[in-house]
Amino acid sequence: MTSRFTELAVDCHDPETLAAFWCEVLDFKVIDRSEDKVEIGSWVPTVEDVRAHQMSPTLLFIQVSEGKTVKNRLHIDVSPIDGSTEDEVTRLLGLGATKTDVGQGSDRNWVVMADPEGNEFCVLRTLALRN
């Protein structure tokens, strides 16, 4: 018996806005929505696919009334695939992300950012091919 990592749930005030932001960041699509939640992903999960492969998890944004009060204990890391880390940080700032300090110091090769509701995430080194 085993399990699969199929989705990451994110509590938030505005699931539609946060889902739209992360769709732009990750090139995901909305795959399900209801009154108080929106699920996004790069694929539509089926039982057969989940059983056969370890697939990329979806993100599920769930509306809650309480606000974020402390640094996330779990966060998303993203790696640019089409340009430099600096270019990706600039793009994400344009989408509504902000740079944030969680005590990481200035000598790191990654950048800590926050999504429009303040959830921290990191932009890691680029995976773009260099000529």
Protein backbone atom coordinates (compact mmCIF):
# COMPACT_ATOMS: atom_id res chain seq x y z
CA MET A 1 0.00 0.00 0.00
CA THR A 2 1.27 3.48 -0.86
CA SER A 3 0.02 7.03 -1.29
CA ARG A 4 0.57 9.74 -3.88
CA PHE A 5 1.10 13.47 -3.39
CA THR A 6 -1.87 14.67 -5.46
CA GLU A 7 -2.60 18.22 -4.31
CA LEU A 8 -1.39 21.00 -2.09
CA ALA A 9 -4.16 22.92 -0.31
CA VAL A 10 -3.67 26.63 0.34
CA ASP A 11 -5.95 28.53 2.71
CA CYS A 12 -6.75 32.00 1.40
CA HIS A 13 -9.29 34.82 1.39
CA ASP A 14 -9.83 34.96 -2.38
CA PRO A 15 -9.41 31.62 -4.17
CA GLU A 16 -10.16 33.06 -7.63
CA THR A 17 -7.49 35.77 -7.39
CA LEU A 18 -4.84 33.47 -5.96
CA ALA A 19 -5.63 30.74 -8.49
CA ALA A 20 -5.31 33.27 -11.34
CA PHE A 21 -1.93 34.43 -9.99
CA TRP A 22 -0.56 30.89 -9.70
CA CYS A 23 -1.95 29.92 -13.12
CA GLU A 24 0.17 32.72 -14.60
CA VAL A 25 3.23 31.74 -12.55
CA LEU A 26 3.09 28.04 -13.39
CA ASP A 27 1.22 27.98 -16.73
CA PHE A 28 -1.54 25.94 -15.05
CA LYS A 29 -5.24 25.93 -15.87
CA VAL A 30 -8.30 25.88 -13.63
CA ILE A 31 -9.43 22.27 -13.50
CA ASP A 32 -12.21 22.53 -10.90
CA ARG A 33 -14.03 25.19 -8.93
CA SER A 34 -16.90 25.55 -6.52
CA GLU A 35 -18.26 28.38 -4.39
CA ASP A 36 -15.33 28.50 -1.97
CA LYS A 37 -12.44 26.73 -3.72
CA VAL A 38 -10.51 26.61 -6.98
CA GLU A 39 -8.18 23.83 -8.11
CA ILE A 40 -5.48 24.41 -10.71
CA GLY A 41 -3.04 22.08 -12.38
CA SER A 42 -1.09 21.12 -15.45
CA TRP A 43 -3.28 18.03 -15.95
CA VAL A 44 -6.69 16.72 -14.93
CA PRO A 45 -6.14 13.93 -12.42
CA THR A 46 -7.77 10.56 -13.04
CA VAL A 47 -7.59 7.55 -10.75
CA GLU A 48 -5.80 5.59 -13.46
CA ASP A 49 -3.11 8.26 -13.98
CA VAL A 50 -2.57 8.73 -10.26
CA ARG A 51 -2.17 5.00 -9.72
CA ALA A 52 0.20 4.63 -12.69
CA HIS A 53 2.54 7.60 -12.13
CA GLN A 54 3.71 10.10 -9.58
CA MET A 55 2.33 13.21 -11.29
CA SER A 56 2.76 16.89 -10.49
CA PRO A 57 0.40 17.84 -7.66
CA THR A 58 -2.43 20.27 -8.26
CA LEU A 59 -2.94 23.39 -6.14
CA LEU A 60 -6.24 23.78 -4.32
CA PHE A 61 -7.11 27.26 -3.02
CA ILE A 62 -9.70 27.12 -0.25
CA GLN A 63 -11.46 30.17 1.13
CA VAL A 64 -11.06 30.69 4.89
CA SER A 65 -12.01 33.60 7.10
CA GLU A 66 -8.80 33.90 9.13
CA GLY A 67 -5.75 35.71 7.79
CA LYS A 68 -2.15 34.60 7.52
CA THR A 69 -0.26 35.47 10.70
CA VAL A 70 3.19 33.82 10.55
CA LYS A 71 5.79 32.62 8.05
CA ASN A 72 4.67 29.54 6.13
CA ARG A 73 6.09 26.26 7.40
CA LEU A 74 5.60 24.77 3.93
CA HIS A 75 6.19 26.74 0.75
CA ILE A 76 6.47 26.36 -3.00
CA ASP A 77 9.78 26.66 -4.85
CA VAL A 78 9.77 27.55 -8.54
CA SER A 79 12.58 27.35 -11.09
CA PRO A 80 12.51 29.51 -14.23
CA ILE A 81 12.71 27.48 -17.45
CA ASP A 82 12.79 30.19 -20.13
CA GLY A 83 15.06 32.90 -18.73
CA SER A 84 17.21 33.99 -15.84
CA THR A 85 16.20 34.00 -12.21
CA GLU A 86 16.32 37.80 -12.28
CA ASP A 87 14.01 37.94 -15.31
CA GLU A 88 11.55 35.63 -13.58
CA VAL A 89 11.58 37.73 -10.41
CA THR A 90 10.77 40.79 -12.53
CA ARG A 91 7.92 38.93 -14.26
CA LEU A 92 6.48 37.76 -10.93
CA LEU A 93 6.65 41.27 -9.49
CA GLY A 94 4.57 42.37 -12.48
CA LEU A 95 1.99 39.68 -11.66
CA GLY A 96 1.56 40.97 -8.10
CA ALA A 97 4.22 39.12 -6.12
CA THR A 98 6.48 40.98 -3.71
CA LYS A 99 10.00 40.34 -2.48
CA THR A 100 10.06 39.42 1.19
CA ASP A 101 12.58 38.77 3.93
CA VAL A 102 12.20 35.71 6.12
CA GLY A 103 15.74 35.95 7.48
CA GLN A 104 17.42 34.37 4.48
CA GLY A 105 20.23 36.93 4.24
CA SER A 106 21.55 38.62 1.11
CA ASP A 107 24.12 36.02 0.07
CA ARG A 108 21.63 33.47 -1.28
CA ASN A 109 21.24 32.34 -4.90
CA TRP A 110 17.45 32.23 -4.56
CA VAL A 111 14.89 34.98 -4.02
CA VAL A 112 12.12 34.78 -1.42
CA MET A 113 8.86 36.27 -2.63
CA ALA A 114 5.24 36.37 -1.49
CA ASP A 115 2.09 35.85 -3.54
CA PRO A 116 -0.73 38.47 -3.43
CA GLU A 117 -1.98 37.08 -0.08
CA GLY A 118 1.48 36.98 1.52
CA ASN A 119 2.28 33.27 1.13
CA GLU A 120 6.04 32.92 0.78
CA PHE A 121 7.64 31.07 -2.11
CA CYS A 122 11.16 30.91 -3.51
CA VAL A 123 12.48 31.53 -6.99
CA LEU A 124 15.44 29.19 -7.44
CA ARG A 125 18.19 29.02 -10.03
CA THR A 126 17.14 29.00 -13.65
CA LEU A 127 16.78 25.74 -15.56
CA ALA A 128 17.00 27.55 -18.91
CA LEU A 129 19.64 26.27 -21.29
CA ARG A 130 22.61 28.56 -21.59
CA ASN A 131 24.45 29.07 -24.85
